[in-house]
């Protein structure tokens, strides 16, 4: 198994390296790619040093089975033909192909089998907030069809990359020391603040980030579900939180819902509010699952449910989901071609 990582120097690329090792992914050869600026850098992997190659338009991907890409949408669009030309499966973490009809959008806990229908040999990783939400919604959907969802996301600095995380650290230090904060990665100061805008606004008043959650959820779940989202950037270093309200076709009991969460793949139930136990990003950075708590019936609607989720954006929201797709392909391929 020959695997490539494109964009290895970024936060998600670094997580790819960690997870391939932690999960003992069957890599016989690993090749690292980056920009001209990153080329020549060295990273440790399983006891050896690997040097980053510059990504170029050439035949470098001949013989590569799987390429994990996280270098931005423009890079993915430009280099997809080079990456897939010789049969490499490109698992892409950018927004470049998510809504293309001939590219599957996959969350393994929900629609893993879609990964086999890939005419262009590209599989897209959904938006981080969408991944987190559909993993939690899927157990409910199996009990009763979900008609609509209202969601508020509380997205950490990690969602904007490693440089954004560093800016939050630096801003916090500046503010605490009485200095004017440096603002570069976000529209406004994030330290000690909330920013109710992620991505640009569309004509309907929602941001592109918010519309992604509606459009991607429908594609992943093969559903007519409607999602109305408000996306908020919060001064948290890592792990996103979501407050979710959903309406099902028929009423569900809380016991049914809790049992469904307990048995669901990729979900950890952490729900004991009477004793102050519920998911929080401070405790769950670096964890793999989507953690669910604050589960309650919506007293304003007979078929309404409300709950709270937390998940690490860099892991399940990005790198882990991509590697789980790769694991699924390897496991289901057995002795046949991916």
Protein backbone atom coordinates (compact mmCIF):
# COMPACT_ATOMS: atom_id res chain seq x y z
CA UNK A 1 0.00 0.00 0.00
CA UNK A 2 1.53 3.26 -1.17
CA UNK A 3 -0.01 6.38 0.37
CA UNK A 4 0.60 10.07 -0.29
CA UNK A 5 -0.20 13.08 1.87
CA UNK A 6 -0.64 16.39 0.04
CA UNK A 7 -0.40 19.42 2.31
CA UNK A 8 1.49 17.62 5.04
CA UNK A 9 2.76 20.81 6.72
CA UNK A 10 -0.71 22.04 7.67
CA UNK A 11 -2.69 21.17 10.79
CA UNK A 12 -4.71 18.46 9.03
CA UNK A 13 -1.65 17.12 7.21
CA UNK A 14 0.17 16.73 10.51
CA UNK A 15 -2.86 14.92 11.92
CA UNK A 16 -2.79 12.57 8.93
CA UNK A 17 0.75 11.58 9.93
CA UNK A 18 -0.24 10.93 13.55
CA UNK A 19 -3.36 8.96 12.73
CA UNK A 20 -1.76 6.74 10.09
CA UNK A 21 0.70 5.68 12.78
CA UNK A 22 -1.74 5.51 15.70
CA UNK A 23 -4.27 3.42 13.77
CA UNK A 24 -1.60 1.18 12.25
CA UNK A 25 -2.81 1.89 8.75
CA UNK A 26 -1.17 -0.60 6.34
CA UNK A 27 1.33 1.78 4.73
CA UNK A 28 4.26 0.18 2.93
CA UNK A 29 5.44 3.47 1.49
CA UNK A 30 4.44 7.01 2.45
CA UNK A 31 5.18 10.01 0.24
CA UNK A 32 4.78 13.60 1.43
CA UNK A 33 3.96 16.59 -0.76
CA UNK A 34 3.75 20.30 -0.11
CA UNK A 35 4.27 23.72 -1.63
CA UNK A 36 7.62 25.02 -2.83
CA UNK A 37 7.97 26.65 0.59
CA UNK A 38 7.46 23.32 2.39
CA UNK A 39 9.59 21.23 0.07
CA UNK A 40 12.67 19.79 1.77
CA UNK A 41 11.18 19.79 5.26
CA UNK A 42 11.48 16.48 7.09
CA UNK A 43 8.95 14.68 9.27
CA UNK A 44 9.25 11.58 11.40
CA UNK A 45 7.07 8.59 10.59
CA UNK A 46 7.41 5.18 12.24
CA UNK A 47 10.99 5.73 13.23
CA UNK A 48 12.22 7.17 9.95
CA UNK A 49 12.53 10.61 8.38
CA UNK A 50 10.53 11.53 5.29
CA UNK A 51 11.35 14.55 3.15
CA UNK A 52 8.57 16.69 1.66
CA UNK A 53 8.50 16.81 -2.14
CA UNK A 54 7.18 19.80 -4.04
CA UNK A 55 3.80 19.15 -5.62
CA UNK A 56 4.18 19.46 -9.39
CA UNK A 57 2.37 18.61 -12.60
CA UNK A 58 4.10 15.33 -13.39
CA UNK A 59 3.77 11.55 -13.00
CA UNK A 60 4.68 11.40 -9.29
CA UNK A 61 1.41 9.71 -8.35
CA UNK A 62 1.96 6.69 -10.57
CA UNK A 63 1.76 3.68 -8.24
CA UNK A 64 0.14 5.60 -5.35
CA UNK A 65 -2.96 3.78 -4.07
CA UNK A 66 -4.46 6.52 -1.88
CA UNK A 67 -3.73 10.25 -1.68
CA UNK A 68 -4.93 12.18 1.36
CA UNK A 69 -5.16 15.81 0.27
CA UNK A 70 -5.56 18.90 2.44
CA UNK A 71 -4.01 21.85 0.66
CA UNK A 72 -7.04 23.99 -0.15
CA UNK A 73 -9.72 23.93 -2.84
CA UNK A 74 -7.69 25.68 -5.54
CA UNK A 75 -4.79 23.23 -5.18
CA UNK A 76 -7.16 20.26 -5.21
CA UNK A 77 -8.86 21.44 -8.39
CA UNK A 78 -5.56 22.14 -10.13
CA UNK A 79 -3.82 18.89 -9.23
CA UNK A 80 -6.70 16.39 -9.17
CA UNK A 81 -5.99 15.25 -12.76
CA UNK A 82 -2.33 14.59 -11.89
CA UNK A 83 -3.23 12.76 -8.69
CA UNK A 84 -5.93 10.51 -10.14
CA UNK A 85 -4.52 9.93 -13.63
CA UNK A 86 -3.03 6.52 -12.87
CA UNK A 87 -5.81 5.20 -10.63
CA UNK A 88 -4.93 6.82 -7.32
CA UNK A 89 -7.96 7.33 -5.06
CA UNK A 90 -7.94 10.98 -3.97
CA UNK A 91 -9.60 11.58 -0.59
CA UNK A 92 -9.93 15.34 -0.53
CA UNK A 93 -10.43 17.47 2.55
CA UNK A 94 -11.19 20.70 0.69
CA UNK A 95 -14.51 22.12 -0.50
CA UNK A 96 -13.54 21.72 -4.16
CA UNK A 97 -15.72 18.75 -5.13
CA UNK A 98 -18.19 18.26 -2.29
CA UNK A 99 -21.35 19.01 -4.23
CA UNK A 100 -20.24 17.59 -7.59
CA UNK A 101 -22.70 14.89 -8.61
CA UNK A 102 -19.95 12.51 -9.71
CA UNK A 103 -17.95 12.81 -6.45
CA UNK A 104 -19.19 10.97 -3.34
CA UNK A 105 -19.34 12.93 -0.10
CA UNK A 106 -18.66 10.42 2.65
CA UNK A 107 -18.94 10.07 6.42
CA UNK A 108 -18.18 6.38 7.08
CA UNK A 109 -20.62 6.04 9.99
CA UNK A 110 -23.44 7.26 7.72
CA UNK A 111 -22.83 6.43 4.03
CA UNK A 112 -19.56 4.49 3.71
CA UNK A 113 -20.80 2.50 0.72
CA UNK A 114 -20.98 5.69 -1.37
CA UNK A 115 -17.17 5.62 -1.48
CA UNK A 116 -17.30 2.80 -4.03
CA UNK A 117 -19.16 4.94 -6.59
CA UNK A 118 -16.44 7.39 -7.62
CA UNK A 119 -16.30 7.95 -11.41
CA UNK A 120 -13.44 10.46 -11.10
CA UNK A 121 -11.57 8.50 -8.40
CA UNK A 122 -12.21 11.40 -6.00
CA UNK A 123 -13.94 11.11 -2.64
CA UNK A 124 -14.75 14.29 -0.74
CA UNK A 125 -14.52 14.84 3.00
CA UNK A 126 -17.47 16.98 4.13
CA UNK A 127 -17.23 20.23 6.03
CA UNK A 128 -16.15 19.66 9.63
CA UNK A 129 -19.41 20.91 11.14
CA UNK A 130 -21.46 18.75 8.80
CA UNK A 131 -19.49 15.63 9.73
CA UNK A 132 -20.04 16.22 13.42
CA UNK A 133 -23.75 16.86 12.96
CA UNK A 134 -24.61 13.91 10.69
CA UNK A 135 -22.78 11.43 12.92
CA UNK A 136 -25.11 12.54 15.73
CA UNK A 137 -28.24 12.76 13.54
CA UNK A 138 -27.84 9.35 11.91
CA UNK A 139 -28.91 7.28 14.97
CA UNK A 140 -32.04 9.44 15.26
CA UNK A 141 -32.78 9.14 11.54
CA UNK A 142 -32.80 5.35 11.94
CA UNK A 143 -35.56 5.71 14.52
CA UNK A 144 -37.67 8.28 12.68
CA UNK A 145 -37.07 10.41 9.61
CA UNK A 146 -35.73 13.87 10.48
CA UNK A 147 -37.66 16.64 8.75
CA UNK A 148 -35.68 19.68 9.80
CA UNK A 149 -32.77 20.83 11.92
CA UNK A 150 -31.88 24.14 13.51
CA UNK A 151 -28.26 24.35 14.60
CA UNK A 152 -25.87 26.87 16.09
CA UNK A 153 -22.20 25.98 15.75
CA UNK A 154 -19.47 27.19 18.11
CA UNK A 155 -16.37 26.70 16.00
CA UNK A 156 -12.87 26.78 17.42
CA UNK A 157 -9.86 28.54 15.94
CA UNK A 158 -8.58 25.19 14.66
CA UNK A 159 -11.22 25.34 11.93
CA UNK A 160 -9.21 28.12 10.28
CA UNK A 161 -5.90 26.26 10.50
CA UNK A 162 -2.69 26.26 12.50
CA UNK A 163 -1.96 29.95 11.92
CA UNK A 164 -5.38 30.89 13.32
CA UNK A 165 -4.69 28.88 16.46
CA UNK A 166 -1.41 30.72 16.91
CA UNK A 167 -3.17 34.06 16.39
CA UNK A 168 -5.68 33.25 19.15
CA UNK A 169 -2.81 32.46 21.53
CA UNK A 170 -0.99 35.66 20.60
CA UNK A 171 -4.11 37.83 20.80
CA UNK A 172 -4.96 36.46 24.24
CA UNK A 173 -1.49 37.32 25.48
CA UNK A 174 -1.66 40.79 23.94
CA UNK A 175 -5.06 41.59 25.46
CA UNK A 176 -4.07 40.33 28.91
CA UNK A 177 -0.96 42.51 28.75
CA UNK A 178 -2.88 45.63 27.71
CA UNK A 179 -1.68 45.69 24.10
CA UNK A 180 -3.79 46.10 20.96
CA UNK A 181 -4.36 42.63 19.46
CA UNK A 182 -2.99 41.67 16.07
CA UNK A 183 -5.88 40.78 13.72
CA UNK A 184 -4.97 38.92 10.53
CA UNK A 185 -6.67 35.54 10.25
CA UNK A 186 -10.16 36.65 11.28
CA UNK A 187 -12.31 39.66 10.42
CA UNK A 188 -12.24 40.78 14.07
CA UNK A 189 -10.35 40.04 17.25
CA UNK A 190 -11.25 36.49 18.36
CA UNK A 191 -9.70 36.53 21.82
CA UNK A 192 -12.43 37.18 24.45
CA UNK A 193 -14.95 37.60 21.62
CA UNK A 194 -17.48 35.76 19.44
CA UNK A 195 -17.71 36.31 15.68
CA UNK A 196 -21.11 35.38 14.17
CA UNK A 197 -19.71 34.99 10.67
CA UNK A 198 -17.75 32.12 9.12
CA UNK A 199 -17.13 32.48 5.37
CA UNK A 200 -18.89 35.05 3.19
CA UNK A 201 -22.60 35.91 3.20
CA UNK A 202 -24.86 34.69 0.41
CA UNK A 203 -27.92 36.45 -1.02
CA UNK A 204 -30.28 34.71 1.44
CA UNK A 205 -28.46 36.11 4.50
CA UNK A 206 -26.77 32.82 5.39
CA UNK A 207 -23.02 32.37 5.03
CA UNK A 208 -21.48 29.81 2.70
CA UNK A 209 -20.44 27.82 5.79
CA UNK A 210 -24.06 27.69 6.94
CA UNK A 211 -25.38 26.67 3.53
CA UNK A 212 -22.78 23.90 3.33
CA UNK A 213 -24.46 22.26 6.30
CA UNK A 214 -27.82 22.21 4.52
CA UNK A 215 -26.55 21.04 1.12
CA UNK A 216 -23.96 18.54 2.33
CA UNK A 217 -26.29 16.93 4.87
CA UNK A 218 -28.89 16.22 2.19
CA UNK A 219 -26.27 14.62 -0.04
CA UNK A 220 -24.68 12.48 2.70
CA UNK A 221 -27.95 11.29 4.23
CA UNK A 222 -29.76 10.92 0.87
CA UNK A 223 -32.58 12.87 2.47
CA UNK A 224 -34.91 15.82 2.01
CA UNK A 225 -33.88 17.09 5.45
CA UNK A 226 -33.77 20.88 5.86
CA UNK A 227 -30.96 22.46 7.90
CA UNK A 228 -30.93 26.06 9.12
CA UNK A 229 -27.57 26.94 10.66
CA UNK A 230 -25.90 29.85 12.41
CA UNK A 231 -22.10 29.46 12.44
CA UNK A 232 -20.12 31.25 15.14
CA UNK A 233 -16.34 31.44 15.66
CA UNK A 234 -15.46 31.20 19.35
CA UNK A 235 -12.19 31.72 21.27
CA UNK A 236 -11.57 28.00 21.78
CA UNK A 237 -8.33 26.48 20.57
CA UNK A 238 -9.56 23.13 19.31
CA UNK A 239 -12.81 21.11 19.03
CA UNK A 240 -16.13 22.41 17.73
CA UNK A 241 -19.42 22.48 19.63
CA UNK A 242 -22.95 22.41 18.23
CA UNK A 243 -26.37 23.09 19.73
CA UNK A 244 -28.82 21.02 17.68
CA UNK A 245 -32.61 21.00 17.52
CA UNK A 246 -34.32 18.50 15.24
CA UNK A 247 -37.88 17.59 14.34
CA UNK A 248 -38.67 13.95 13.56
CA UNK A 249 -41.63 12.53 11.65
CA UNK A 250 -42.92 10.75 14.74
CA UNK A 251 -42.33 11.40 18.46
CA UNK A 252 -39.43 9.61 20.14
CA UNK A 253 -38.83 8.90 23.80
CA UNK A 254 -35.62 9.98 25.46
CA UNK A 255 -34.87 6.34 26.32
CA UNK A 256 -35.08 5.44 22.62
CA UNK A 257 -32.77 8.27 21.68
CA UNK A 258 -30.20 7.53 24.40
CA UNK A 259 -30.14 3.85 23.47
CA UNK A 260 -29.59 4.80 19.83
CA UNK A 261 -26.68 7.08 20.72
CA UNK A 262 -25.09 4.42 22.93
CA UNK A 263 -25.13 1.84 20.15
CA UNK A 264 -24.09 4.23 17.35
CA UNK A 265 -20.65 4.01 15.79
CA UNK A 266 -18.52 7.10 16.37
CA UNK A 267 -20.75 8.51 19.13
CA UNK A 268 -20.05 8.70 22.86
CA UNK A 269 -22.96 9.55 25.12
CA UNK A 270 -21.90 11.90 27.92
CA UNK A 271 -25.17 13.01 29.39
CA UNK A 272 -25.63 13.52 33.12
CA UNK A 273 -26.43 17.22 33.49
CA UNK A 274 -27.74 16.82 37.04
CA UNK A 275 -24.16 16.03 38.05
CA UNK A 276 -22.57 18.58 35.74
CA UNK A 277 -21.53 16.04 33.11
CA UNK A 278 -21.82 17.13 29.50
CA UNK A 279 -19.36 17.50 26.60
CA UNK A 280 -16.99 20.47 26.56
CA UNK A 281 -14.24 21.27 24.03
CA UNK A 282 -11.62 21.83 26.73
CA UNK A 283 -11.79 18.16 27.71
CA UNK A 284 -12.30 16.59 24.28
CA UNK A 285 -9.56 18.04 22.08
CA UNK A 286 -7.63 15.11 20.66
CA UNK A 287 -10.53 12.64 20.98
CA UNK A 288 -11.98 10.75 18.05
CA UNK A 289 -15.73 10.48 18.68
CA UNK A 290 -18.64 12.89 18.50
CA UNK A 291 -19.71 13.42 22.13
CA UNK A 292 -23.40 14.00 22.83
CA UNK A 293 -25.10 15.41 25.92
CA UNK A 294 -27.84 17.77 27.21
CA UNK A 295 -30.43 15.52 25.50
CA UNK A 296 -33.98 16.69 26.08
CA UNK A 297 -37.42 16.81 24.54
CA UNK A 298 -38.36 20.16 23.05
CA UNK A 299 -41.30 21.23 25.17
CA UNK A 300 -42.56 23.50 22.35
CA UNK A 301 -42.95 20.71 19.76
CA UNK A 302 -44.18 17.11 20.23
CA UNK A 303 -41.66 15.72 17.74
CA UNK A 304 -38.75 17.97 18.73
CA UNK A 305 -35.43 16.97 20.29
CA UNK A 306 -32.58 19.17 21.50
CA UNK A 307 -29.03 18.14 22.31
CA UNK A 308 -25.42 19.34 22.41
CA UNK A 309 -22.39 17.85 20.66
CA UNK A 310 -18.62 18.36 20.81
CA UNK A 311 -16.00 16.89 18.49
CA UNK A 312 -12.39 17.58 17.58
CA UNK A 313 -12.45 19.46 14.28
CA UNK A 314 -8.96 18.39 13.20
CA UNK A 315 -9.55 14.72 13.96
CA UNK A 316 -13.12 13.61 13.23
CA UNK A 317 -13.92 16.85 11.46
CA UNK A 318 -11.07 16.38 8.99
CA UNK A 319 -8.13 13.95 9.18
CA UNK A 320 -9.79 11.05 10.98
CA UNK A 321 -12.82 11.02 8.69
CA UNK A 322 -10.54 10.84 5.64
CA UNK A 323 -8.49 8.01 7.10
CA UNK A 324 -11.65 6.13 8.07
CA UNK A 325 -12.70 6.36 4.42
CA UNK A 326 -9.32 4.94 3.42
CA UNK A 327 -9.67 2.15 6.00
CA UNK A 328 -13.11 1.30 4.65
CA UNK A 329 -11.75 1.08 1.10
CA UNK A 330 -8.88 -1.17 2.18
CA UNK A 331 -11.11 -3.38 4.33
CA UNK A 332 -13.79 -3.82 1.67
CA UNK A 333 -11.31 -4.23 -1.18
CA UNK A 334 -9.60 -7.25 0.41
CA UNK A 335 -7.70 -8.85 -2.49
CA UNK A 336 -9.27 -6.72 -5.20
CA UNK A 337 -8.33 -3.29 -6.50
CA UNK A 338 -9.45 -0.33 -4.39
